[in-house]
């Protein structure tokens, strides 16, 4: 999760931000892969899910921690083989 969020695994804020994000994912039923792409803005935000104020607050809190966006991009692929497609 640290790599997906671009944070150091020893960062004391990692658990809090990850927990908030996972709770939001469950609450909204948002797509896991697309959510991480939205965090690094590699996903066109046509889905109003990612304009949700709670998601934007989580994203702002993450960026306040100065995540490594290169690390995020390396650990959040844009294309995931889906079972129904494969």
PDB file of N, CA and C in Angstrom:
ATOM      1  N   UNK A   1       0.832  -1.189   0.000  1.00  0.00           N
ATOM      2  CA  UNK A   1       0.000   0.000   0.000  1.00  0.00           C
ATOM      3  C   UNK A   1       0.879   1.256   0.000  1.00  0.00           C
ATOM      4  N   UNK A   2       2.015   1.173   0.701  1.00  0.00           N
ATOM      5  CA  UNK A   2       2.919   2.325   0.727  1.00  0.00           C
ATOM      6  C   UNK A   2       3.360   2.695  -0.689  1.00  0.00           C
ATOM      7  N   UNK A   3       3.736   1.696  -1.483  1.00  0.00           N
ATOM      8  CA  UNK A   3       4.171   1.965  -2.855  1.00  0.00           C
ATOM      9  C   UNK A   3       3.024   2.511  -3.697  1.00  0.00           C
ATOM     10  N   UNK A   4       1.827   1.960  -3.537  1.00  0.00           N
ATOM     11  CA  UNK A   4       0.680   2.418  -4.320  1.00  0.00           C
ATOM     12  C   UNK A   4       0.339   3.870  -4.001  1.00  0.00           C
ATOM     13  N   UNK A   5       0.610   4.287  -2.752  1.00  0.00           N
ATOM     14  CA  UNK A   5       0.342   5.665  -2.339  1.00  0.00           C
ATOM     15  C   UNK A   5       1.574   6.561  -2.455  1.00  0.00           C
ATOM     16  N   UNK A   6       2.700   5.975  -2.857  1.00  0.00           N
ATOM     17  CA  UNK A   6       3.920   6.763  -3.047  1.00  0.00           C
ATOM     18  C   UNK A   6       4.530   7.255  -1.748  1.00  0.00           C
ATOM     19  N   UNK A   7       4.290   6.522  -0.668  1.00  0.00           N
ATOM     20  CA  UNK A   7       4.807   6.928   0.639  1.00  0.00           C
ATOM     21  C   UNK A   7       5.824   5.921   1.152  1.00  0.00           C
ATOM     22  N   UNK A   8       6.642   6.357   2.077  1.00  0.00           N
ATOM     23  CA  UNK A   8       7.583   5.472   2.761  1.00  0.00           C
ATOM     24  C   UNK A   8       6.787   4.596   3.713  1.00  0.00           C
ATOM     25  N   UNK A   9       7.113   3.320   3.752  1.00  0.00           N
ATOM     26  CA  UNK A   9       6.380   2.381   4.613  1.00  0.00           C
ATOM     27  C   UNK A   9       6.498   2.751   6.087  1.00  0.00           C
ATOM     28  N   UNK A  10       7.501   3.529   6.448  1.00  0.00           N
ATOM     29  CA  UNK A  10       7.693   3.946   7.838  1.00  0.00           C
ATOM     30  C   UNK A  10       6.950   5.245   8.169  1.00  0.00           C
ATOM     31  N   UNK A  11       6.326   5.860   7.172  1.00  0.00           N
ATOM     32  CA  UNK A  11       5.597   7.119   7.393  1.00  0.00           C
ATOM     33  C   UNK A  11       4.451   6.877   8.368  1.00  0.00           C
ATOM     34  N   UNK A  12       4.404   7.645   9.412  1.00  0.00           N
ATOM     35  CA  UNK A  12       3.384   7.452  10.458  1.00  0.00           C
ATOM     36  C   UNK A  12       1.969   7.758   9.953  1.00  0.00           C
ATOM     37  N   UNK A  13       1.843   8.491   8.876  1.00  0.00           N
ATOM     38  CA  UNK A  13       0.527   8.845   8.331  1.00  0.00           C
ATOM     39  C   UNK A  13      -0.017   7.793   7.368  1.00  0.00           C
ATOM     40  N   UNK A  14       0.829   6.835   6.984  1.00  0.00           N
ATOM     41  CA  UNK A  14       0.434   5.838   5.984  1.00  0.00           C
ATOM     42  C   UNK A  14      -0.816   5.067   6.390  1.00  0.00           C
ATOM     43  N   UNK A  15      -0.849   4.532   7.593  1.00  0.00           N
ATOM     44  CA  UNK A  15      -1.986   3.727   8.019  1.00  0.00           C
ATOM     45  C   UNK A  15      -3.271   4.544   8.025  1.00  0.00           C
ATOM     46  N   UNK A  16      -3.199   5.758   8.527  1.00  0.00           N
ATOM     47  CA  UNK A  16      -4.399   6.602   8.596  1.00  0.00           C
ATOM     48  C   UNK A  16      -4.955   6.895   7.204  1.00  0.00           C
ATOM     49  N   UNK A  17      -4.103   7.295   6.279  1.00  0.00           N
ATOM     50  CA  UNK A  17      -4.570   7.644   4.931  1.00  0.00           C
ATOM     51  C   UNK A  17      -5.046   6.401   4.194  1.00  0.00           C
ATOM     52  N   UNK A  18      -4.339   5.278   4.366  1.00  0.00           N
ATOM     53  CA  UNK A  18      -4.742   4.030   3.712  1.00  0.00           C
ATOM     54  C   UNK A  18      -6.087   3.558   4.256  1.00  0.00           C
ATOM     55  N   UNK A  19      -6.273   3.638   5.564  1.00  0.00           N
ATOM     56  CA  UNK A  19      -7.548   3.233   6.159  1.00  0.00           C
ATOM     57  C   UNK A  19      -8.702   4.085   5.643  1.00  0.00           C
ATOM     58  N   UNK A  20      -8.489   5.394   5.587  1.00  0.00           N
ATOM     59  CA  UNK A  20      -9.537   6.293   5.077  1.00  0.00           C
ATOM     60  C   UNK A  20      -9.881   5.959   3.627  1.00  0.00           C
ATOM     61  N   UNK A  21      -8.847   5.716   2.830  1.00  0.00           N
ATOM     62  CA  UNK A  21      -9.070   5.403   1.418  1.00  0.00           C
ATOM     63  C   UNK A  21      -9.820   4.080   1.262  1.00  0.00           C
ATOM     64  N   UNK A  22      -9.416   3.071   2.007  1.00  0.00           N
ATOM     65  CA  UNK A  22     -10.077   1.765   1.901  1.00  0.00           C
ATOM     66  C   UNK A  22     -11.537   1.829   2.380  1.00  0.00           C
ATOM     67  N   UNK A  23     -11.798   2.588   3.426  1.00  0.00           N
ATOM     68  CA  UNK A  23     -13.188   2.770   3.879  1.00  0.00           C
ATOM     69  C   UNK A  23     -14.012   3.488   2.823  1.00  0.00           C
ATOM     70  N   UNK A  24     -13.409   4.504   2.203  1.00  0.00           N
ATOM     71  CA  UNK A  24     -14.107   5.240   1.148  1.00  0.00           C
ATOM     72  C   UNK A  24     -14.387   4.319  -0.038  1.00  0.00           C
ATOM     73  N   UNK A  25     -13.402   3.509  -0.428  1.00  0.00           N
ATOM     74  CA  UNK A  25     -13.589   2.562  -1.535  1.00  0.00           C
ATOM     75  C   UNK A  25     -14.774   1.639  -1.261  1.00  0.00           C
ATOM     76  N   UNK A  26     -14.839   1.121  -0.050  1.00  0.00           N
ATOM     77  CA  UNK A  26     -15.923   0.215   0.314  1.00  0.00           C
ATOM     78  C   UNK A  26     -17.263   0.939   0.307  1.00  0.00           C
ATOM     79  N   UNK A  27     -17.291   2.107   0.896  1.00  0.00           N
ATOM     80  CA  UNK A  27     -18.532   2.890   0.979  1.00  0.00           C
ATOM     81  C   UNK A  27     -19.082   3.253  -0.408  1.00  0.00           C
ATOM     82  N   UNK A  28     -18.185   3.675  -1.284  1.00  0.00           N
ATOM     83  CA  UNK A  28     -18.604   4.143  -2.609  1.00  0.00           C
ATOM     84  C   UNK A  28     -18.719   3.013  -3.632  1.00  0.00           C
ATOM     85  N   UNK A  29     -18.106   1.873  -3.339  1.00  0.00           N
ATOM     86  CA  UNK A  29     -18.091   0.789  -4.318  1.00  0.00           C
ATOM     87  C   UNK A  29     -17.265   1.158  -5.541  1.00  0.00           C
ATOM     88  N   UNK A  30     -16.286   2.008  -5.331  1.00  0.00           N
ATOM     89  CA  UNK A  30     -15.449   2.493  -6.438  1.00  0.00           C
ATOM     90  C   UNK A  30     -14.478   1.406  -6.890  1.00  0.00           C
ATOM     91  N   UNK A  31     -14.076   1.485  -8.136  1.00  0.00           N
ATOM     92  CA  UNK A  31     -13.120   0.545  -8.702  1.00  0.00           C
ATOM     93  C   UNK A  31     -11.737   0.785  -8.083  1.00  0.00           C
ATOM     94  N   UNK A  32     -11.118  -0.275  -7.591  1.00  0.00           N
ATOM     95  CA  UNK A  32      -9.829  -0.201  -6.912  1.00  0.00           C
ATOM     96  C   UNK A  32      -8.748   0.385  -7.816  1.00  0.00           C
ATOM     97  N   UNK A  33      -8.603  -0.183  -8.996  1.00  0.00           N
ATOM     98  CA  UNK A  33      -7.568   0.272  -9.934  1.00  0.00           C
ATOM     99  C   UNK A  33      -7.796   1.714 -10.353  1.00  0.00           C
ATOM    100  N   UNK A  34      -9.018   2.040 -10.732  1.00  0.00           N
ATOM    101  CA  UNK A  34      -9.311   3.401 -11.179  1.00  0.00           C
ATOM    102  C   UNK A  34      -9.120   4.426 -10.069  1.00  0.00           C
ATOM    103  N   UNK A  35      -9.367   4.028  -8.833  1.00  0.00           N
ATOM    104  CA  UNK A  35      -9.186   4.948  -7.716  1.00  0.00           C
ATOM    105  C   UNK A  35      -7.730   5.366  -7.585  1.00  0.00           C
ATOM    106  N   UNK A  36      -6.816   4.409  -7.683  1.00  0.00           N
ATOM    107  CA  UNK A  36      -5.400   4.750  -7.583  1.00  0.00           C
ATOM    108  C   UNK A  36      -4.949   5.560  -8.795  1.00  0.00           C
ATOM    109  N   UNK A  37      -5.514   5.277  -9.958  1.00  0.00           N
ATOM    110  CA  UNK A  37      -5.192   6.094 -11.136  1.00  0.00           C
ATOM    111  C   UNK A  37      -5.714   7.511 -10.961  1.00  0.00           C
ATOM    112  N   UNK A  38      -6.867   7.650 -10.350  1.00  0.00           N
ATOM    113  CA  UNK A  38      -7.419   8.981 -10.085  1.00  0.00           C
ATOM    114  C   UNK A  38      -6.540   9.738  -9.093  1.00  0.00           C
ATOM    115  N   UNK A  39      -5.962   9.036  -8.145  1.00  0.00           N
ATOM    116  CA  UNK A  39      -5.065   9.689  -7.183  1.00  0.00           C
ATOM    117  C   UNK A  39      -3.842  10.280  -7.869  1.00  0.00           C
ATOM    118  N   UNK A  40      -3.370   9.625  -8.924  1.00  0.00           N
ATOM    119  CA  UNK A  40      -2.195  10.161  -9.629  1.00  0.00           C
ATOM    120  C   UNK A  40      -2.581  10.847 -10.932  1.00  0.00           C
ATOM    121  N   UNK A  41      -3.887  11.062 -11.090  1.00  0.00           N
ATOM    122  CA  UNK A  41      -4.429  11.809 -12.231  1.00  0.00           C
ATOM    123  C   UNK A  41      -4.056  11.209 -13.576  1.00  0.00           C
ATOM    124  N   UNK A  42      -4.020   9.871 -13.618  1.00  0.00           N
ATOM    125  CA  UNK A  42      -3.804   9.173 -14.886  1.00  0.00           C
ATOM    126  C   UNK A  42      -5.131   8.669 -15.437  1.00  0.00           C
ATOM    127  N   UNK A  43      -6.210   9.072 -14.835  1.00  0.00           N
ATOM    128  CA  UNK A  43      -7.534   8.632 -15.236  1.00  0.00           C
ATOM    129  C   UNK A  43      -8.365   9.869 -15.530  1.00  0.00           C
ATOM    130  N   UNK A  44      -8.942   9.958 -16.734  1.00  0.00           N
ATOM    131  CA  UNK A  44      -9.831  11.095 -16.987  1.00  0.00           C
ATOM    132  C   UNK A  44     -10.995  11.040 -15.986  1.00  0.00           C
ATOM    133  N   UNK A  45     -11.199  12.114 -15.274  1.00  0.00           N
ATOM    134  CA  UNK A  45     -12.200  12.125 -14.213  1.00  0.00           C
ATOM    135  C   UNK A  45     -13.600  12.380 -14.753  1.00  0.00           C
ATOM    136  N   UNK A  46     -14.068  11.482 -15.603  1.00  0.00           N
ATOM    137  CA  UNK A  46     -15.419  11.572 -16.136  1.00  0.00           C
ATOM    138  C   UNK A  46     -16.416  10.978 -15.154  1.00  0.00           C
ATOM    139  N   UNK A  47     -15.910  10.179 -14.237  1.00  0.00           N
ATOM    140  CA  UNK A  47     -16.748   9.516 -13.244  1.00  0.00           C
ATOM    141  C   UNK A  47     -16.900  10.451 -12.044  1.00  0.00           C
ATOM    142  N   UNK A  48     -18.124  10.824 -11.726  1.00  0.00           N
ATOM    143  CA  UNK A  48     -18.367  11.742 -10.612  1.00  0.00           C
ATOM    144  C   UNK A  48     -17.944  11.169  -9.271  1.00  0.00           C
ATOM    145  N   UNK A  49     -17.707   9.873  -9.219  1.00  0.00           N
ATOM    146  CA  UNK A  49     -17.237   9.250  -7.980  1.00  0.00           C
ATOM    147  C   UNK A  49     -15.993   9.956  -7.473  1.00  0.00           C
ATOM    148  N   UNK A  50     -15.115  10.346  -8.384  1.00  0.00           N
ATOM    149  CA  UNK A  50     -13.838  10.934  -8.003  1.00  0.00           C
ATOM    150  C   UNK A  50     -13.922  12.444  -7.802  1.00  0.00           C
ATOM    151  N   UNK A  51     -15.120  12.997  -7.894  1.00  0.00           N
ATOM    152  CA  UNK A  51     -15.359  14.392  -7.536  1.00  0.00           C
ATOM    153  C   UNK A  51     -16.019  14.478  -6.166  1.00  0.00           C
ATOM    154  N   UNK A  52     -16.178  13.334  -5.522  1.00  0.00           N
ATOM    155  CA  UNK A  52     -16.768  13.265  -4.189  1.00  0.00           C
ATOM    156  C   UNK A  52     -15.890  14.054  -3.213  1.00  0.00           C
ATOM    157  N   UNK A  53     -16.481  14.909  -2.393  1.00  0.00           N
ATOM    158  CA  UNK A  53     -15.681  15.712  -1.452  1.00  0.00           C
ATOM    159  C   UNK A  53     -14.804  14.880  -0.514  1.00  0.00           C
ATOM    160  N   UNK A  54     -15.281  13.717  -0.110  1.00  0.00           N
ATOM    161  CA  UNK A  54     -14.485  12.867   0.777  1.00  0.00           C
ATOM    162  C   UNK A  54     -13.243  12.335   0.057  1.00  0.00           C
ATOM    163  N   UNK A  55     -13.414  11.935  -1.220  1.00  0.00           N
ATOM    164  CA  UNK A  55     -12.262  11.468  -1.999  1.00  0.00           C
ATOM    165  C   UNK A  55     -11.266  12.601  -2.193  1.00  0.00           C
ATOM    166  N   UNK A  56     -11.777  13.779  -2.526  1.00  0.00           N
ATOM    167  CA  UNK A  56     -10.889  14.924  -2.746  1.00  0.00           C
ATOM    168  C   UNK A  56     -10.135  15.298  -1.466  1.00  0.00           C
ATOM    169  N   UNK A  57     -10.779  15.146  -0.313  1.00  0.00           N
ATOM    170  CA  UNK A  57     -10.111  15.415   0.967  1.00  0.00           C
ATOM    171  C   UNK A  57      -8.995  14.395   1.210  1.00  0.00           C
ATOM    172  N   UNK A  58      -9.260  13.134   0.891  1.00  0.00           N
ATOM    173  CA  UNK A  58      -8.238  12.088   1.033  1.00  0.00           C
ATOM    174  C   UNK A  58      -7.072  12.385   0.089  1.00  0.00           C
ATOM    175  N   UNK A  59      -7.393  12.755  -1.129  1.00  0.00           N
ATOM    176  CA  UNK A  59      -6.354  13.063  -2.117  1.00  0.00           C
ATOM    177  C   UNK A  59      -5.513  14.262  -1.656  1.00  0.00           C
ATOM    178  N   UNK A  60      -6.167  15.294  -1.145  1.00  0.00           N
ATOM    179  CA  UNK A  60      -5.433  16.463  -0.652  1.00  0.00           C
ATOM    180  C   UNK A  60      -4.545  16.106   0.533  1.00  0.00           C
ATOM    181  N   UNK A  61      -5.054  15.260   1.433  1.00  0.00           N
ATOM    182  CA  UNK A  61      -4.260  14.824   2.588  1.00  0.00           C
ATOM    183  C   UNK A  61      -3.046  14.023   2.126  1.00  0.00           C
ATOM    184  N   UNK A  62      -3.245  13.186   1.118  1.00  0.00           N
ATOM    185  CA  UNK A  62      -2.130  12.408   0.567  1.00  0.00           C
ATOM    186  C   UNK A  62      -1.078  13.340  -0.019  1.00  0.00           C
ATOM    187  N   UNK A  63      -1.504  14.299  -0.828  1.00  0.00           N
ATOM    188  CA  UNK A  63      -0.548  15.183  -1.482  1.00  0.00           C
ATOM    189  C   UNK A  63       0.125  16.129  -0.501  1.00  0.00           C
ATOM    190  N   UNK A  64      -0.481  16.357   0.650  1.00  0.00           N
ATOM    191  CA  UNK A  64       0.162  17.153   1.697  1.00  0.00           C
ATOM    192  C   UNK A  64       1.378  16.416   2.262  1.00  0.00           C
ATOM    193  N   UNK A  65       1.402  15.099   2.088  1.00  0.00           N
ATOM    194  CA  UNK A  65       2.529  14.277   2.543  1.00  0.00           C
ATOM    195  C   UNK A  65       3.629  14.164   1.488  1.00  0.00           C
ATOM    196  N   UNK A  66       3.459  14.846   0.354  1.00  0.00           N
ATOM    197  CA  UNK A  66       4.426  14.851  -0.746  1.00  0.00           C
ATOM    198  C   UNK A  66       4.772  13.439  -1.215  1.00  0.00           C
ATOM    199  N   UNK A  67       3.773  12.713  -1.762  1.00  0.00           N
ATOM    200  CA  UNK A  67       4.054  11.353  -2.224  1.00  0.00           C
ATOM    201  C   UNK A  67       4.973  11.349  -3.442  1.00  0.00           C
ATOM    202  N   UNK A  68       5.657  10.247  -3.623  1.00  0.00           N
ATOM    203  CA  UNK A  68       6.522  10.052  -4.785  1.00  0.00           C
ATOM    204  C   UNK A  68       5.625   9.596  -5.937  1.00  0.00           C
ATOM    205  N   UNK A  69       5.276  10.508  -6.838  1.00  0.00           N
ATOM    206  CA  UNK A  69       4.344  10.184  -7.917  1.00  0.00           C
ATOM    207  C   UNK A  69       4.943   9.204  -8.920  1.00  0.00           C
ATOM    208  N   UNK A  70       6.271   9.181  -9.032  1.00  0.00           N
ATOM    209  CA  UNK A  70       6.907   8.194  -9.908  1.00  0.00           C
ATOM    210  C   UNK A  70       6.701   6.797  -9.341  1.00  0.00           C
ATOM    211  N   UNK A  71       6.872   6.650  -8.038  1.00  0.00           N
ATOM    212  CA  UNK A  71       6.641   5.375  -7.371  1.00  0.00           C
ATOM    213  C   UNK A  71       5.172   4.963  -7.507  1.00  0.00           C
ATOM    214  N   UNK A  72       4.275   5.935  -7.374  1.00  0.00           N
ATOM    215  CA  UNK A  72       2.846   5.653  -7.542  1.00  0.00           C
ATOM    216  C   UNK A  72       2.566   5.132  -8.953  1.00  0.00           C
ATOM    217  N   UNK A  73       3.122   5.801  -9.948  1.00  0.00           N
ATOM    218  CA  UNK A  73       2.890   5.409 -11.345  1.00  0.00           C
ATOM    219  C   UNK A  73       3.432   4.007 -11.618  1.00  0.00           C
ATOM    220  N   UNK A  74       4.558   3.668 -11.023  1.00  0.00           N
ATOM    221  CA  UNK A  74       5.157   2.347 -11.225  1.00  0.00           C
ATOM    222  C   UNK A  74       4.327   1.240 -10.581  1.00  0.00           C
ATOM    223  N   UNK A  75       3.585   1.559  -9.548  1.00  0.00           N
ATOM    224  CA  UNK A  75       2.841   0.554  -8.788  1.00  0.00           C
ATOM    225  C   UNK A  75       1.342   0.581  -9.022  1.00  0.00           C
ATOM    226  N   UNK A  76       0.892   1.408  -9.950  1.00  0.00           N
ATOM    227  CA  UNK A  76      -0.528   1.501 -10.278  1.00  0.00           C
ATOM    228  C   UNK A  76      -0.698   1.453 -11.791  1.00  0.00           C
ATOM    229  N   UNK A  77      -0.627   0.256 -12.351  1.00  0.00           N
ATOM    230  CA  UNK A  77      -0.717   0.136 -13.816  1.00  0.00           C
ATOM    231  C   UNK A  77      -2.081   0.585 -14.337  1.00  0.00           C
ATOM    232  N   UNK A  78      -2.056   1.158 -15.516  1.00  0.00           N
ATOM    233  CA  UNK A  78      -3.293   1.650 -16.124  1.00  0.00           C
ATOM    234  C   UNK A  78      -4.103   0.526 -16.746  1.00  0.00           C
ATOM    235  N   UNK A  79      -3.454  -0.576 -17.086  1.00  0.00           N
ATOM    236  CA  UNK A  79      -4.154  -1.678 -17.728  1.00  0.00           C
ATOM    237  C   UNK A  79      -4.025  -2.938 -16.887  1.00  0.00           C
ATOM    238  N   UNK A  80      -5.146  -3.459 -16.464  1.00  0.00           N
ATOM    239  CA  UNK A  80      -5.201  -4.653 -15.652  1.00  0.00           C
ATOM    240  C   UNK A  80      -6.043  -5.687 -16.411  1.00  0.00           C
ATOM    241  N   UNK A  81      -5.497  -6.877 -16.653  1.00  0.00           N
ATOM    242  CA  UNK A  81      -6.336  -7.904 -17.307  1.00  0.00           C
ATOM    243  C   UNK A  81      -7.513  -8.276 -16.399  1.00  0.00           C
ATOM    244  N   UNK A  82      -8.686  -8.122 -16.892  1.00  0.00           N
ATOM    245  CA  UNK A  82      -9.889  -8.461 -16.122  1.00  0.00           C
ATOM    246  C   UNK A  82     -10.356  -9.852 -16.533  1.00  0.00           C
ATOM    247  N   UNK A  83     -10.819 -10.638 -15.600  1.00  0.00           N
ATOM    248  CA  UNK A  83     -11.224 -12.011 -15.876  1.00  0.00           C
ATOM    249  C   UNK A  83     -12.254 -12.089 -17.007  1.00  0.00           C
ATOM    250  N   UNK A  84     -13.217 -11.204 -17.016  1.00  0.00           N
ATOM    251  CA  UNK A  84     -14.254 -11.290 -18.037  1.00  0.00           C
ATOM    252  C   UNK A  84     -13.727 -10.933 -19.428  1.00  0.00           C
ATOM    253  N   UNK A  85     -12.603 -10.234 -19.499  1.00  0.00           N
ATOM    254  CA  UNK A  85     -12.011  -9.915 -20.790  1.00  0.00           C
ATOM    255  C   UNK A  85     -11.050 -11.031 -21.222  1.00  0.00           C
ATOM    256  N   UNK A  86     -10.271 -11.528 -20.274  1.00  0.00           N
ATOM    257  CA  UNK A  86      -9.300 -12.575 -20.561  1.00  0.00           C
ATOM    258  C   UNK A  86     -10.040 -13.820 -20.976  1.00  0.00           C
TER     259      UNK A  86
END
